[in-house]
Amino acid sequence: TIKPRFIARDTKHATNESDPSSKSSQRGIHENIQQQIKKCYNVCGVISLHDRESANMSCKELSFCWNQISKLVTCNRIERKKFNMKQNQAQMEPLLNDTISLVQSFEPKNL
């Protein structure tokens, strides 16, 4: 029989809700990506990681990317100078576009 599938808006790919091993492996993938993001020591490293893993990134990993970039730019003068260069800003377009598309997929609710 075919098990029900759904597209999770924060994972960018189909997941199988009824398969616990699938959830476990997805959690492992996401935890691994989060650890890799934390280990990036420059903005280019974060951008490169996003380029490689964007298909597996959830909104949580995208948030980790932005937080790591923020830490690097705030704490490191050299990274801040690189970040301000137009060429390096252009390299961030895919990360920005993924973030914008995820934000647009959220369903706003009235307060």
N, C-alpha and C. Protein backbone atom coordinates (compact mmCIF):
# COMPACT_ATOMS: atom_id res chain seq x y z
N THR A 1 0.84 -1.19 0.00
CA THR A 1 0.00 0.00 0.00
C THR A 1 0.88 1.24 0.00
N ILE A 2 0.33 2.31 -0.48
CA ILE A 2 1.05 3.58 -0.53
C ILE A 2 0.75 4.36 0.74
N LYS A 3 1.80 4.78 1.40
CA LYS A 3 1.63 5.57 2.63
C LYS A 3 1.42 7.04 2.25
N PRO A 4 0.64 7.76 3.05
CA PRO A 4 0.37 9.16 2.73
C PRO A 4 1.64 9.99 2.79
N ARG A 5 1.78 10.91 1.84
CA ARG A 5 2.94 11.81 1.80
C ARG A 5 2.44 13.24 1.81
N PHE A 6 3.27 14.11 2.28
CA PHE A 6 2.92 15.52 2.25
C PHE A 6 4.20 16.31 2.05
N ILE A 7 4.04 17.54 1.59
CA ILE A 7 5.18 18.43 1.44
C ILE A 7 5.22 19.31 2.68
N ALA A 8 6.30 19.21 3.40
CA ALA A 8 6.47 20.05 4.59
C ALA A 8 7.06 21.37 4.14
N ARG A 9 6.40 22.47 4.43
CA ARG A 9 6.85 23.74 3.90
C ARG A 9 8.22 24.14 4.43
N ASP A 10 8.64 23.55 5.54
CA ASP A 10 9.94 23.95 6.07
C ASP A 10 11.05 22.97 5.73
N THR A 11 10.78 21.97 4.91
CA THR A 11 11.84 21.04 4.54
C THR A 11 12.14 21.01 3.05
N LYS A 12 11.30 21.62 2.23
CA LYS A 12 11.50 21.70 0.79
C LYS A 12 11.46 20.36 0.08
N HIS A 13 11.03 19.32 0.72
CA HIS A 13 10.94 18.03 0.06
C HIS A 13 9.88 17.17 0.73
N ALA A 14 9.46 16.14 0.03
CA ALA A 14 8.42 15.27 0.57
C ALA A 14 8.96 14.46 1.73
N THR A 15 8.12 14.30 2.74
CA THR A 15 8.48 13.44 3.86
C THR A 15 7.36 12.45 4.07
N ASN A 16 7.66 11.37 4.71
CA ASN A 16 6.66 10.35 4.94
C ASN A 16 6.26 10.41 6.40
N GLU A 17 5.09 10.96 6.68
CA GLU A 17 4.64 11.19 8.04
C GLU A 17 4.50 9.90 8.84
N SER A 18 4.14 8.81 8.21
CA SER A 18 3.86 7.59 8.95
C SER A 18 5.10 6.73 9.18
N ASP A 19 6.25 7.12 8.67
CA ASP A 19 7.47 6.33 8.81
C ASP A 19 8.38 6.96 9.86
N PRO A 20 8.46 6.38 11.09
CA PRO A 20 9.28 6.96 12.15
C PRO A 20 10.76 7.01 11.81
N SER A 21 11.25 6.04 11.04
CA SER A 21 12.67 6.07 10.68
C SER A 21 12.97 7.24 9.76
N SER A 22 11.99 7.63 8.94
CA SER A 22 12.16 8.79 8.07
C SER A 22 12.30 10.06 8.91
N LYS A 23 11.46 10.19 9.93
CA LYS A 23 11.55 11.35 10.82
C LYS A 23 12.90 11.39 11.52
N SER A 24 13.36 10.24 11.96
CA SER A 24 14.63 10.15 12.66
C SER A 24 15.78 10.54 11.75
N SER A 25 15.77 10.06 10.52
CA SER A 25 16.85 10.39 9.60
C SER A 25 16.80 11.86 9.22
N GLN A 26 15.60 12.43 9.06
CA GLN A 26 15.48 13.85 8.77
C GLN A 26 16.03 14.69 9.92
N ARG A 27 15.72 14.29 11.14
CA ARG A 27 16.22 15.00 12.32
C ARG A 27 17.75 14.96 12.33
N GLY A 28 18.32 13.80 11.99
CA GLY A 28 19.77 13.65 11.94
C GLY A 28 20.39 14.55 10.90
N ILE A 29 19.76 14.64 9.73
CA ILE A 29 20.25 15.51 8.67
C ILE A 29 20.24 16.96 9.14
N HIS A 30 19.13 17.38 9.75
CA HIS A 30 19.02 18.77 10.19
C HIS A 30 20.01 19.09 11.31
N GLU A 31 20.19 18.16 12.25
CA GLU A 31 21.15 18.39 13.33
C GLU A 31 22.57 18.48 12.77
N ASN A 32 22.88 17.66 11.78
CA ASN A 32 24.19 17.70 11.15
C ASN A 32 24.42 19.04 10.45
N ILE A 33 23.42 19.52 9.73
CA ILE A 33 23.54 20.81 9.05
C ILE A 33 23.73 21.93 10.07
N GLN A 34 22.98 21.88 11.16
CA GLN A 34 23.12 22.91 12.19
C GLN A 34 24.52 22.92 12.77
N GLN A 35 25.10 21.75 13.00
CA GLN A 35 26.47 21.67 13.53
C GLN A 35 27.46 22.22 12.51
N GLN A 36 27.25 21.92 11.24
CA GLN A 36 28.13 22.43 10.20
C GLN A 36 28.07 23.96 10.13
N ILE A 37 26.87 24.51 10.28
CA ILE A 37 26.72 25.97 10.24
C ILE A 37 27.47 26.60 11.41
N LYS A 38 27.34 26.01 12.58
CA LYS A 38 28.03 26.55 13.77
C LYS A 38 29.55 26.53 13.61
N LYS A 39 30.05 25.58 12.81
CA LYS A 39 31.50 25.45 12.63
C LYS A 39 32.06 26.38 11.54
N CYS A 40 31.20 27.06 10.81
CA CYS A 40 31.67 27.99 9.78
C CYS A 40 32.37 29.17 10.45
N TYR A 41 33.57 29.45 10.02
CA TYR A 41 34.35 30.52 10.63
C TYR A 41 34.41 31.78 9.78
N ASN A 42 33.72 31.78 8.63
CA ASN A 42 33.61 33.01 7.85
C ASN A 42 32.30 32.99 7.05
N VAL A 43 31.92 34.15 6.55
CA VAL A 43 30.66 34.30 5.82
C VAL A 43 30.65 33.44 4.56
N CYS A 44 31.79 33.38 3.87
CA CYS A 44 31.87 32.56 2.66
C CYS A 44 31.60 31.09 2.97
N GLY A 45 32.03 30.63 4.14
CA GLY A 45 31.77 29.25 4.55
C GLY A 45 30.29 28.99 4.73
N VAL A 46 29.59 29.95 5.32
CA VAL A 46 28.13 29.81 5.51
C VAL A 46 27.43 29.79 4.15
N ILE A 47 27.85 30.68 3.27
CA ILE A 47 27.24 30.75 1.93
C ILE A 47 27.51 29.47 1.15
N SER A 48 28.72 28.95 1.24
CA SER A 48 29.07 27.70 0.54
C SER A 48 28.25 26.53 1.08
N LEU A 49 28.11 26.48 2.39
CA LEU A 49 27.30 25.42 3.00
C LEU A 49 25.86 25.50 2.52
N HIS A 50 25.32 26.70 2.47
CA HIS A 50 23.95 26.87 1.97
C HIS A 50 23.85 26.39 0.53
N ASP A 51 24.85 26.74 -0.29
CA ASP A 51 24.83 26.31 -1.70
C ASP A 51 24.78 24.78 -1.81
N ARG A 52 25.54 24.09 -0.95
CA ARG A 52 25.60 22.63 -1.00
C ARG A 52 24.35 21.98 -0.42
N GLU A 53 23.81 22.54 0.65
CA GLU A 53 22.76 21.86 1.42
C GLU A 53 21.39 22.50 1.33
N SER A 54 21.20 23.47 0.46
CA SER A 54 19.94 24.22 0.46
C SER A 54 18.71 23.33 0.27
N ALA A 55 18.85 22.26 -0.47
CA ALA A 55 17.70 21.36 -0.69
C ALA A 55 17.26 20.67 0.59
N ASN A 56 18.16 20.54 1.55
CA ASN A 56 17.85 19.87 2.81
C ASN A 56 17.57 20.83 3.95
N MET A 57 17.65 22.12 3.70
CA MET A 57 17.52 23.11 4.78
C MET A 57 16.07 23.46 5.06
N SER A 58 15.75 23.46 6.33
CA SER A 58 14.44 23.92 6.79
C SER A 58 14.57 25.39 7.18
N CYS A 59 13.47 25.98 7.61
CA CYS A 59 13.54 27.38 8.03
C CYS A 59 14.46 27.52 9.24
N LYS A 60 14.57 26.49 10.05
CA LYS A 60 15.46 26.54 11.21
C LYS A 60 16.92 26.65 10.76
N GLU A 61 17.31 25.87 9.76
CA GLU A 61 18.68 25.95 9.27
C GLU A 61 18.96 27.29 8.59
N LEU A 62 17.97 27.81 7.87
CA LEU A 62 18.15 29.14 7.27
C LEU A 62 18.36 30.18 8.36
N SER A 63 17.62 30.06 9.44
CA SER A 63 17.79 30.95 10.57
C SER A 63 19.19 30.81 11.17
N PHE A 64 19.66 29.56 11.29
CA PHE A 64 21.02 29.32 11.79
C PHE A 64 22.04 30.03 10.89
N CYS A 65 21.83 29.96 9.57
CA CYS A 65 22.75 30.62 8.63
C CYS A 65 22.81 32.12 8.91
N TRP A 66 21.64 32.74 9.00
CA TRP A 66 21.61 34.19 9.22
C TRP A 66 22.21 34.56 10.58
N ASN A 67 21.94 33.75 11.59
CA ASN A 67 22.52 34.03 12.91
C ASN A 67 24.03 33.90 12.89
N GLN A 68 24.54 32.89 12.20
CA GLN A 68 26.00 32.72 12.12
C GLN A 68 26.63 33.87 11.36
N ILE A 69 26.02 34.29 10.27
CA ILE A 69 26.54 35.43 9.51
C ILE A 69 26.55 36.67 10.40
N SER A 70 25.48 36.87 11.14
CA SER A 70 25.40 38.02 12.04
C SER A 70 26.52 38.00 13.08
N LYS A 71 26.75 36.83 13.68
CA LYS A 71 27.83 36.72 14.67
C LYS A 71 29.18 37.02 14.05
N LEU A 72 29.43 36.46 12.87
CA LEU A 72 30.72 36.65 12.21
C LEU A 72 30.95 38.12 11.85
N VAL A 73 29.92 38.76 11.32
CA VAL A 73 30.05 40.16 10.90
C VAL A 73 30.17 41.09 12.11
N THR A 74 29.47 40.77 13.17
CA THR A 74 29.51 41.60 14.38
C THR A 74 30.85 41.50 15.10
N CYS A 75 31.41 40.31 15.16
CA CYS A 75 32.61 40.07 15.97
C CYS A 75 33.92 40.19 15.21
N ASN A 76 33.89 40.21 13.90
CA ASN A 76 35.12 40.15 13.12
C ASN A 76 35.16 41.31 12.13
N ARG A 77 36.11 42.21 12.33
CA ARG A 77 36.23 43.40 11.48
C ARG A 77 36.48 43.03 10.02
N ILE A 78 37.30 42.01 9.78
CA ILE A 78 37.61 41.60 8.41
C ILE A 78 36.36 41.07 7.71
N GLU A 79 35.59 40.25 8.43
CA GLU A 79 34.34 39.73 7.85
C GLU A 79 33.35 40.87 7.57
N ARG A 80 33.32 41.85 8.45
CA ARG A 80 32.43 43.00 8.26
C ARG A 80 32.80 43.75 6.98
N LYS A 81 34.11 43.94 6.73
CA LYS A 81 34.54 44.62 5.51
C LYS A 81 34.17 43.81 4.27
N LYS A 82 34.40 42.50 4.33
CA LYS A 82 34.04 41.63 3.20
C LYS A 82 32.54 41.67 2.95
N PHE A 83 31.78 41.65 4.03
CA PHE A 83 30.32 41.64 3.94
C PHE A 83 29.79 42.89 3.26
N ASN A 84 30.46 44.02 3.45
CA ASN A 84 30.00 45.28 2.87
C ASN A 84 30.32 45.41 1.39
N MET A 85 31.14 44.55 0.85
CA MET A 85 31.49 44.61 -0.57
C MET A 85 30.33 44.10 -1.41
N LYS A 86 30.01 44.81 -2.49
CA LYS A 86 28.87 44.44 -3.36
C LYS A 86 29.01 43.02 -3.90
N GLN A 87 30.23 42.61 -4.25
CA GLN A 87 30.44 41.27 -4.80
C GLN A 87 30.01 40.20 -3.80
N ASN A 88 30.36 40.37 -2.55
CA ASN A 88 30.01 39.38 -1.53
C ASN A 88 28.52 39.42 -1.21
N GLN A 89 27.92 40.59 -1.28
CA GLN A 89 26.48 40.68 -1.07
C GLN A 89 25.73 39.92 -2.15
N ALA A 90 26.23 39.97 -3.38
CA ALA A 90 25.59 39.26 -4.48
C ALA A 90 25.65 37.74 -4.27
N GLN A 91 26.69 37.25 -3.62
CA GLN A 91 26.81 35.82 -3.36
C GLN A 91 25.74 35.34 -2.38
N MET A 92 25.16 36.26 -1.64
CA MET A 92 24.15 35.89 -0.65
C MET A 92 22.75 35.80 -1.25
N GLU A 93 22.61 36.15 -2.52
CA GLU A 93 21.29 36.14 -3.17
C GLU A 93 20.54 34.81 -3.01
N PRO A 94 21.17 33.64 -3.24
CA PRO A 94 20.42 32.39 -3.08
C PRO A 94 19.88 32.20 -1.65
N LEU A 95 20.69 32.52 -0.65
CA LEU A 95 20.24 32.42 0.73
C LEU A 95 19.08 33.37 0.99
N LEU A 96 19.20 34.57 0.50
CA LEU A 96 18.13 35.56 0.65
C LEU A 96 16.85 35.10 -0.06
N ASN A 97 17.00 34.61 -1.28
CA ASN A 97 15.82 34.16 -2.04
C ASN A 97 15.12 32.98 -1.36
N ASP A 98 15.90 32.02 -0.84
CA ASP A 98 15.29 30.90 -0.11
C ASP A 98 14.55 31.39 1.11
N THR A 99 15.13 32.35 1.81
CA THR A 99 14.50 32.89 3.01
C THR A 99 13.19 33.60 2.66
N ILE A 100 13.23 34.41 1.63
CA ILE A 100 12.03 35.14 1.20
C ILE A 100 10.93 34.16 0.78
N SER A 101 11.29 33.12 0.05
CA SER A 101 10.26 32.18 -0.41
C SER A 101 9.65 31.42 0.77
N LEU A 102 10.45 31.10 1.79
CA LEU A 102 9.89 30.43 2.96
C LEU A 102 8.98 31.36 3.75
N VAL A 103 9.39 32.59 3.91
CA VAL A 103 8.58 33.55 4.66
C VAL A 103 7.24 33.75 3.95
N GLN A 104 7.26 33.81 2.65
CA GLN A 104 6.02 33.99 1.90
C GLN A 104 5.10 32.78 1.99
N SER A 105 5.65 31.62 2.33
CA SER A 105 4.81 30.43 2.43
C SER A 105 4.10 30.32 3.77
N PHE A 106 4.50 31.15 4.75
CA PHE A 106 3.82 31.14 6.04
C PHE A 106 2.45 31.77 5.89
N GLU A 107 1.52 31.25 6.64
CA GLU A 107 0.16 31.78 6.58
C GLU A 107 -0.02 32.74 7.75
N PRO A 108 -0.08 34.04 7.47
CA PRO A 108 -0.23 35.00 8.57
C PRO A 108 -1.60 34.87 9.23
N LYS A 109 -1.61 35.12 10.51
CA LYS A 109 -2.86 35.07 11.27
C LYS A 109 -3.09 36.42 11.93
N ASN A 110 -4.35 36.80 11.99
CA ASN A 110 -4.69 38.05 12.67
C ASN A 110 -4.49 37.90 14.17
N LEU A 111 -4.07 38.97 14.78
CA LEU A 111 -3.89 38.94 16.23
C LEU A 111 -5.20 39.17 16.95
